[in-house]
C-alpha atoms as a PDB file:
ATOM      1  CA  MET A   1       0.006  -0.008   0.003  1.00  0.00           C
ATOM      2  CA  LYS A   2       2.786   2.449   0.965  1.00  0.00           C
ATOM      3  CA  ARG A   3       4.593   1.559  -2.340  1.00  0.00           C
ATOM      4  CA  ASN A   4       1.482   2.298  -4.307  1.00  0.00           C
ATOM      5  CA  LEU A   5       1.080   5.653  -2.518  1.00  0.00           C
ATOM      6  CA  LEU A   6       4.690   6.488  -3.366  1.00  0.00           C
ATOM      7  CA  VAL A   7       3.962   5.658  -7.069  1.00  0.00           C
ATOM      8  CA  LEU A   8       0.839   7.804  -7.159  1.00  0.00           C
ATOM      9  CA  SER A   9       2.597  10.679  -5.354  1.00  0.00           C
ATOM     10  CA  LEU A  10       5.504  10.513  -7.944  1.00  0.00           C
ATOM     11  CA  ILE A  11       2.935  10.558 -10.713  1.00  0.00           C
ATOM     12  CA  PHE A  12       1.314  13.659  -9.294  1.00  0.00           C
ATOM     13  CA  LEU A  13       4.687  15.376  -9.112  1.00  0.00           C
ATOM     14  CA  VAL A  14       5.666  14.660 -12.797  1.00  0.00           C
ATOM     15  CA  SER A  15       2.210  15.419 -14.078  1.00  0.00           C
ATOM     16  CA  GLY A  16       2.214  19.222 -14.191  1.00  0.00           C
ATOM     17  CA  CYS A  17      -0.882  20.726 -15.715  1.00  0.00           C
ATOM     18  CA  GLY A  18      -2.223  21.616 -19.178  1.00  0.00           C
ATOM     19  CA  TYR A  19      -0.604  18.918 -21.332  1.00  0.00           C
ATOM     20  CA  LYS A  20      -2.778  16.059 -22.510  1.00  0.00           C
ATOM     21  CA  PHE A  21      -1.332  12.552 -23.031  1.00  0.00           C
ATOM     22  CA  ARG A  22      -2.440  11.098 -26.438  1.00  0.00           C
ATOM     23  CA  PRO A  23      -1.792   7.442 -27.271  1.00  0.00           C
ATOM     24  CA  LEU A  24       0.080   6.529 -30.398  1.00  0.00           C
ATOM     25  CA  HIS A  25      -2.018   4.612 -32.973  1.00  0.00           C
ATOM     26  CA  PRO A  26      -0.373   2.046 -35.215  1.00  0.00           C
ATOM     27  CA  VAL A  27       0.515   3.181 -38.760  1.00  0.00           C
ATOM     28  CA  ARG A  28      -2.241   2.085 -41.009  1.00  0.00           C
ATOM     29  CA  SER A  29      -1.504   0.747 -44.390  1.00  0.00           C
ATOM     30  CA  ALA A  30      -3.533   3.496 -46.073  1.00  0.00           C
ATOM     31  CA  LYS A  31      -1.384   6.163 -44.428  1.00  0.00           C
ATOM     32  CA  ALA A  32       2.035   4.397 -44.573  1.00  0.00           C
ATOM     33  CA  ASP A  33       4.699   5.883 -46.784  1.00  0.00           C
ATOM     34  CA  TYR A  34       6.487   2.584 -46.590  1.00  0.00           C
ATOM     35  CA  SER A  35       5.063  -0.894 -45.775  1.00  0.00           C
ATOM     36  CA  GLU A  36       6.759  -4.223 -46.225  1.00  0.00           C
ATOM     37  CA  LYS A  37       6.712  -7.679 -44.607  1.00  0.00           C
ATOM     38  CA  GLN A  38       9.683 -10.077 -44.498  1.00  0.00           C
ATOM     39  CA  GLU A  39       9.863 -13.475 -42.724  1.00  0.00           C
ATOM     40  CA  ALA A  40       6.657 -12.646 -40.708  1.00  0.00           C
ATOM     41  CA  ILE A  41       8.085  -9.278 -39.599  1.00  0.00           C
ATOM     42  CA  SER A  42       6.131  -6.255 -40.899  1.00  0.00           C
ATOM     43  CA  LEU A  43       7.346  -2.664 -40.892  1.00  0.00           C
ATOM     44  CA  ARG A  44       5.289   0.411 -41.661  1.00  0.00           C
ATOM     45  CA  ILE A  45       6.678   3.951 -41.631  1.00  0.00           C
ATOM     46  CA  SER A  46       4.832   7.221 -42.072  1.00  0.00           C
ATOM     47  CA  ARG A  47       6.507  10.646 -42.373  1.00  0.00           C
ATOM     48  CA  LEU A  48       4.580  12.927 -40.022  1.00  0.00           C
ATOM     49  CA  ASP A  49       3.534  16.311 -41.118  1.00  0.00           C
ATOM     50  CA  GLU A  50       2.956  19.267 -38.787  1.00  0.00           C
ATOM     51  CA  GLU A  51      -0.621  18.344 -38.014  1.00  0.00           C
ATOM     52  CA  ASP A  52       0.124  14.681 -37.373  1.00  0.00           C
ATOM     53  CA  LEU A  53       2.931  15.507 -34.863  1.00  0.00           C
ATOM     54  CA  ALA A  54       0.805  18.043 -33.194  1.00  0.00           C
ATOM     55  CA  HIS A  55      -1.820  15.350 -32.598  1.00  0.00           C
ATOM     56  CA  CYS A  56       0.823  13.094 -31.069  1.00  0.00           C
ATOM     57  CA  PHE A  57       2.154  15.732 -28.683  1.00  0.00           C
ATOM     58  CA  ASP A  58      -0.829  17.777 -27.817  1.00  0.00           C
ATOM     59  CA  GLY A  59      -0.324  20.597 -30.377  1.00  0.00           C
ATOM     60  CA  LYS A  60       3.449  20.827 -30.371  1.00  0.00           C
ATOM     61  CA  LYS A  61       5.096  21.685 -33.619  1.00  0.00           C
ATOM     62  CA  ALA A  62       8.266  20.192 -34.973  1.00  0.00           C
ATOM     63  CA  PRO A  63      10.859  22.692 -36.152  1.00  0.00           C
ATOM     64  CA  ILE A  64      12.118  22.435 -39.756  1.00  0.00           C
ATOM     65  CA  SER A  65      15.471  21.239 -38.476  1.00  0.00           C
ATOM     66  CA  MET A  66      14.089  17.699 -37.966  1.00  0.00           C
ATOM     67  CA  VAL A  67      12.043  15.066 -39.632  1.00  0.00           C
ATOM     68  CA  PRO A  68       9.600  12.996 -37.555  1.00  0.00           C
ATOM     69  CA  LEU A  69       8.834   9.417 -38.664  1.00  0.00           C
ATOM     70  CA  MET A  70       6.283   7.150 -36.990  1.00  0.00           C
ATOM     71  CA  ILE A  71       7.098   3.454 -37.181  1.00  0.00           C
ATOM     72  CA  THR A  72       5.009   0.385 -36.438  1.00  0.00           C
ATOM     73  CA  ILE A  73       6.717  -3.018 -36.122  1.00  0.00           C
ATOM     74  CA  LYS A  74       4.940  -6.259 -35.681  1.00  0.00           C
ATOM     75  CA  ASN A  75       6.506  -9.615 -35.053  1.00  0.00           C
ATOM     76  CA  GLU A  76       4.390 -12.505 -36.345  1.00  0.00           C
ATOM     77  CA  SER A  77       7.236 -14.997 -36.357  1.00  0.00           C
ATOM     78  CA  GLU A  78       7.984 -17.724 -33.777  1.00  0.00           C
ATOM     79  CA  TYR A  79      11.062 -15.992 -32.386  1.00  0.00           C
ATOM     80  CA  ALA A  80      11.924 -12.771 -30.558  1.00  0.00           C
ATOM     81  CA  VAL A  81      13.495  -9.945 -32.459  1.00  0.00           C
ATOM     82  CA  ARG A  82      15.317  -6.651 -31.548  1.00  0.00           C
ATOM     83  CA  VAL A  83      15.380  -3.268 -32.983  1.00  0.00           C
ATOM     84  CA  SER A  84      17.189  -0.074 -32.054  1.00  0.00           C
ATOM     85  CA  PRO A  85      18.190   3.265 -33.564  1.00  0.00           C
ATOM     86  CA  ARG A  86      21.607   1.808 -34.224  1.00  0.00           C
ATOM     87  CA  GLN A  87      20.047  -0.416 -36.784  1.00  0.00           C
ATOM     88  CA  VAL A  88      18.702   2.517 -38.805  1.00  0.00           C
ATOM     89  CA  SER A  89      20.952   4.122 -41.412  1.00  0.00           C
ATOM     90  CA  LEU A  90      19.818   7.700 -40.535  1.00  0.00           C
ATOM     91  CA  THR A  91      21.253  10.219 -38.193  1.00  0.00           C
ATOM     92  CA  LEU A  92      18.599   9.940 -35.442  1.00  0.00           C
ATOM     93  CA  LEU A  93      18.352  12.582 -32.713  1.00  0.00           C
ATOM     94  CA  GLU A  94      18.708  11.704 -29.064  1.00  0.00           C
ATOM     95  CA  TYR A  95      16.103  12.397 -26.391  1.00  0.00           C
ATOM     96  CA  GLU A  96      17.763  15.540 -25.136  1.00  0.00           C
ATOM     97  CA  ASP A  97      18.207  16.959 -28.638  1.00  0.00           C
ATOM     98  CA  VAL A  98      14.559  16.289 -29.534  1.00  0.00           C
ATOM     99  CA  TYR A  99      13.339  17.836 -26.345  1.00  0.00           C
ATOM    100  CA  ASP A 100      15.587  20.935 -26.826  1.00  0.00           C
ATOM    101  CA  ARG A 101      14.189  21.449 -30.285  1.00  0.00           C
ATOM    102  CA  LEU A 102      10.585  21.067 -29.306  1.00  0.00           C
ATOM    103  CA  ARG A 103      10.663  22.843 -25.948  1.00  0.00           C
ATOM    104  CA  SER A 104       9.887  26.364 -27.216  1.00  0.00           C
ATOM    105  CA  SER A 105       6.403  25.421 -28.117  1.00  0.00           C
ATOM    106  CA  ILE A 106       5.744  23.876 -24.700  1.00  0.00           C
ATOM    107  CA  MET A 107       7.913  24.989 -21.856  1.00  0.00           C
ATOM    108  CA  LYS A 108       8.543  28.045 -19.778  1.00  0.00           C
ATOM    109  CA  PRO A 109      12.228  28.911 -19.608  1.00  0.00           C
ATOM    110  CA  GLY A 110      12.498  28.317 -15.861  1.00  0.00           C
ATOM    111  CA  LEU A 111      11.415  24.630 -16.279  1.00  0.00           C
ATOM    112  CA  ILE A 112      13.602  23.478 -19.188  1.00  0.00           C
ATOM    113  CA  GLY A 113      16.625  22.198 -17.262  1.00  0.00           C
ATOM    114  CA  GLY A 114      14.676  20.205 -14.720  1.00  0.00           C
ATOM    115  CA  ALA A 115      12.250  18.730 -17.247  1.00  0.00           C
ATOM    116  CA  ILE A 116      15.121  17.489 -19.436  1.00  0.00           C
ATOM    117  CA  ALA A 117      16.681  15.835 -16.467  1.00  0.00           C
ATOM    118  CA  ALA A 118      13.522  14.192 -15.322  1.00  0.00           C
ATOM    119  CA  GLY A 119      12.355  13.005 -18.768  1.00  0.00           C
ATOM    120  CA  ALA A 120      15.829  11.633 -19.621  1.00  0.00           C
ATOM    121  CA  LEU A 121      15.986   9.756 -16.254  1.00  0.00           C
ATOM    122  CA  ILE A 122      12.586   8.127 -16.850  1.00  0.00           C
ATOM    123  CA  TYR A 123      13.395   7.350 -20.425  1.00  0.00           C
ATOM    124  CA  GLY A 124      16.677   5.757 -19.421  1.00  0.00           C
ATOM    125  CA  CYS A 125      15.374   3.729 -16.482  1.00  0.00           C
ATOM    126  CA  SER A 126      12.622   2.317 -18.738  1.00  0.00           C
ATOM    127  CA  GLN A 127      15.275   0.907 -20.986  1.00  0.00           C
ATOM    128  CA  ALA A 128      17.166  -0.506 -18.037  1.00  0.00           C
ATOM    129  CA  LEU A 129      14.530  -3.123 -17.259  1.00  0.00           C
ATOM    130  CA  ASP A 130      15.120  -6.820 -18.070  1.00  0.00           C
ATOM    131  CA  PRO A 131      14.873  -7.053 -21.852  1.00  0.00           C
ATOM    132  CA  ASP A 132      13.647 -10.655 -21.653  1.00  0.00           C
ATOM    133  CA  GLN A 133      10.436  -9.911 -19.771  1.00  0.00           C
ATOM    134  CA  HIS A 134       7.062 -10.021 -21.555  1.00  0.00           C
ATOM    135  CA  SER A 135       5.815  -6.760 -23.028  1.00  0.00           C
ATOM    136  CA  GLY A 136       2.854  -6.940 -20.562  1.00  0.00           C
ATOM    137  CA  GLU A 137       5.374  -6.494 -17.801  1.00  0.00           C
ATOM    138  CA  LYS A 138       7.292  -3.629 -19.455  1.00  0.00           C
ATOM    139  CA  VAL A 139       6.967  -0.018 -18.514  1.00  0.00           C
ATOM    140  CA  VAL A 140       3.635   1.221 -20.050  1.00  0.00           C
ATOM    141  CA  GLY A 141       1.969   4.364 -19.038  1.00  0.00           C
ATOM    142  CA  ALA A 142       2.838   6.922 -16.445  1.00  0.00           C
ATOM    143  CA  VAL A 143       2.150   4.681 -13.424  1.00  0.00           C
ATOM    144  CA  ALA A 144       4.360   1.939 -14.611  1.00  0.00           C
ATOM    145  CA  THR A 145       7.144   4.427 -15.473  1.00  0.00           C
ATOM    146  CA  ALA A 146       7.199   5.696 -11.925  1.00  0.00           C
ATOM    147  CA  GLU A 147       7.226   2.143 -10.688  1.00  0.00           C
ATOM    148  CA  ALA A 148      10.370   1.543 -12.771  1.00  0.00           C
ATOM    149  CA  ALA A 149      11.954   4.587 -11.231  1.00  0.00           C
ATOM    150  CA  LEU A 150      11.294   3.176  -7.692  1.00  0.00           C
ATOM    151  CA  ILE A 151      12.527  -0.321  -8.650  1.00  0.00           C
ATOM    152  CA  THR A 152      15.799   0.903  -9.957  1.00  0.00           C
ATOM    153  CA  GLY A 153      16.326   3.115  -6.883  1.00  0.00           C
ATOM    154  CA  GLY A 154      17.870   6.543  -6.568  1.00  0.00           C
ATOM    155  CA  LEU A 155      15.738   8.073  -9.324  1.00  0.00           C
ATOM    156  CA  ALA A 156      12.571   8.730  -7.461  1.00  0.00           C
ATOM    157  CA  SER A 157      13.960  11.798  -5.587  1.00  0.00           C
ATOM    158  CA  GLU A 158      15.209  13.232  -8.777  1.00  0.00           C
ATOM    159  CA  VAL A 159      11.860  12.833 -10.523  1.00  0.00           C
ATOM    160  CA  ALA A 160      10.042  14.325  -7.577  1.00  0.00           C
ATOM    161  CA  LYS A 161      12.448  17.299  -7.556  1.00  0.00           C
ATOM    162  CA  HIS A 162      12.435  18.071 -11.141  1.00  0.00           C
ATOM    163  CA  GLY A 163       9.669  16.272 -12.923  1.00  0.00           C
ATOM    164  CA  ASN A 164       6.840  18.842 -13.394  1.00  0.00           C
ATOM    165  CA  ASP A 165       6.574  18.423 -17.113  1.00  0.00           C
ATOM    166  CA  LYS A 166       4.227  15.979 -18.840  1.00  0.00           C
ATOM    167  CA  PHE A 167       5.745  16.506 -22.192  1.00  0.00           C
ATOM    168  CA  ALA A 168       9.266  15.243 -20.873  1.00  0.00           C
ATOM    169  CA  VAL A 169       7.627  12.070 -19.720  1.00  0.00           C
ATOM    170  CA  ASP A 170       5.472  11.665 -22.893  1.00  0.00           C
ATOM    171  CA  LEU A 171       8.412  12.089 -25.153  1.00  0.00           C
ATOM    172  CA  GLY A 172      10.392   9.425 -23.237  1.00  0.00           C
ATOM    173  CA  ARG A 173       7.518   7.008 -23.668  1.00  0.00           C
ATOM    174  CA  LYS A 174       7.008   7.576 -27.375  1.00  0.00           C
ATOM    175  CA  LEU A 175      10.583   7.999 -28.702  1.00  0.00           C
ATOM    176  CA  PHE A 176      12.018   5.075 -30.540  1.00  0.00           C
ATOM    177  CA  TYR A 177      14.755   3.303 -28.662  1.00  0.00           C
ATOM    178  CA  GLN A 178      15.941  -0.296 -28.366  1.00  0.00           C
ATOM    179  CA  GLU A 179      13.036  -2.783 -28.235  1.00  0.00           C
ATOM    180  CA  ARG A 180      12.675  -6.524 -27.987  1.00  0.00           C
ATOM    181  CA  LEU A 181       9.510  -8.027 -29.472  1.00  0.00           C
ATOM    182  CA  LEU A 182       8.269 -11.315 -28.623  1.00  0.00           C
ATOM    183  CA  PRO A 183       6.110 -13.387 -31.054  1.00  0.00           C
ATOM    184  CA  GLY A 184       2.867 -11.588 -31.597  1.00  0.00           C
ATOM    185  CA  GLU A 185       3.971  -8.275 -30.222  1.00  0.00           C
ATOM    186  CA  ARG A 186       3.677  -4.900 -31.973  1.00  0.00           C
ATOM    187  CA  ILE A 187       5.084  -1.493 -31.183  1.00  0.00           C
ATOM    188  CA  THR A 188       4.474   2.079 -32.506  1.00  0.00           C
ATOM    189  CA  LYS A 189       7.114   4.708 -31.866  1.00  0.00           C
ATOM    190  CA  ILE A 190       8.410   7.968 -33.239  1.00  0.00           C
ATOM    191  CA  MET A 191      11.949   8.684 -34.326  1.00  0.00           C
ATOM    192  CA  PHE A 192      13.329  12.144 -35.317  1.00  0.00           C
ATOM    193  CA  ALA A 193      15.931  12.504 -37.938  1.00  0.00           C
ATOM    194  CA  ASP A 194      18.243  15.467 -38.509  1.00  0.00           C
ATOM    195  CA  LYS A 195      16.828  17.227 -41.710  1.00  0.00           C
ATOM    196  CA  GLU A 196      20.239  18.329 -43.023  1.00  0.00           C
ATOM    197  CA  LEU A 197      21.351  14.693 -42.925  1.00  0.00           C
ATOM    198  CA  PHE A 198      18.037  13.088 -43.768  1.00  0.00           C
ATOM    199  CA  LYS A 199      17.838  10.656 -46.689  1.00  0.00           C
ATOM    200  CA  LYS A 200      14.524   9.513 -48.235  1.00  0.00           C
ATOM    201  CA  ARG A 201      16.042   6.088 -48.800  1.00  0.00           C
ATOM    202  CA  PHE A 202      17.578   4.281 -45.750  1.00  0.00           C
ATOM    203  CA  LYS A 203      17.894   0.813 -44.317  1.00  0.00           C
ATOM    204  CA  PHE A 204      16.089  -0.460 -41.174  1.00  0.00           C
ATOM    205  CA  THR A 205      17.435  -3.720 -39.875  1.00  0.00           C
ATOM    206  CA  VAL A 206      15.674  -6.156 -37.619  1.00  0.00           C
ATOM    207  CA  VAL A 207      17.727  -8.844 -35.720  1.00  0.00           C
ATOM    208  CA  PHE A 208      16.468 -12.117 -34.495  1.00  0.00           C
ATOM    209  CA  ASP A 209      17.221 -12.554 -30.864  1.00  0.00           C
ATOM    210  CA  GLU A 210      17.004 -16.338 -30.855  1.00  0.00           C
ATOM    211  CA  LYS A 211      18.354 -19.190 -32.853  1.00  0.00           C
ATOM    212  CA  ASN A 212      16.214 -21.315 -35.060  1.00  0.00           C
ATOM    213  CA  LYS A 213      15.189 -24.889 -34.212  1.00  0.00           C
ATOM    214  CA  GLU A 214      18.427 -26.230 -35.686  1.00  0.00           C
ATOM    215  CA  GLY A 215      20.407 -24.052 -33.365  1.00  0.00           C
ATOM    216  CA  LYS A 216      21.562 -21.640 -36.061  1.00  0.00           C
ATOM    217  CA  ARG A 217      21.246 -17.840 -36.026  1.00  0.00           C
ATOM    218  CA  PHE A 218      18.968 -16.136 -38.544  1.00  0.00           C
ATOM    219  CA  LYS A 219      20.394 -13.504 -40.930  1.00  0.00           C
ATOM    220  CA  PRO A 220      19.311 -10.024 -40.109  1.00  0.00           C
ATOM    221  CA  LEU A 221      16.289  -8.715 -41.990  1.00  0.00           C
ATOM    222  CA  VAL A 222      17.109  -5.484 -43.998  1.00  0.00           C
ATOM    223  CA  PHE A 223      14.198  -3.338 -45.047  1.00  0.00           C
ATOM    224  CA  ASN A 224      15.135  -0.819 -47.767  1.00  0.00           C
ATOM    225  CA  VAL A 225      12.947   2.014 -46.763  1.00  0.00           C
ATOM    226  CA  LYS A 226      11.802   4.875 -49.056  1.00  0.00           C
ATOM    227  CA  VAL A 227       9.606   7.649 -47.662  1.00  0.00           C
END
């Protein structure tokens, strides 16, 4: 009970006011700029315009210096797979850089530093959880994020001290990072590319995290994306 009260208190502290959380919906085939399926792994990517991104982040606008892309990956194979920004042949922006470029449309100057710290801490700790756990046990939603902060220890006080910005938390939850998808799982995330270095054609690689039934490793799946 005390643990639950701590979690709820932490959520209240990071919530702030005014900003509305909006869930990400999977990229539909009709809206996808790119859609392909290989070896029971499907990838859909949509280049977001100003209106699309504003819907994802409660009205926030992306500056012309970056290109937002929404990705949906579904694993219909018998084996777990891994994906991460390192497997994308684009110059993708890190959390702090994305936050910094978007902050002018959301933050008051006095809150910027603390919000970056809180959001980055939550984003980082969510990735520190056991990668072998089922997606249902992963960090999902604000309550589970706060729970993760308490489990890892040492982060709760930082979040309570600085975390008064909902956008910082929301960005951490939606930004594409390293993910492990078990059979049947699907994720939808947003990645931001630097516009000056952006290429309409790039490679997105998916790596199988298990060996096949004969004990051999699968070859990585390379999606040749064009958006």
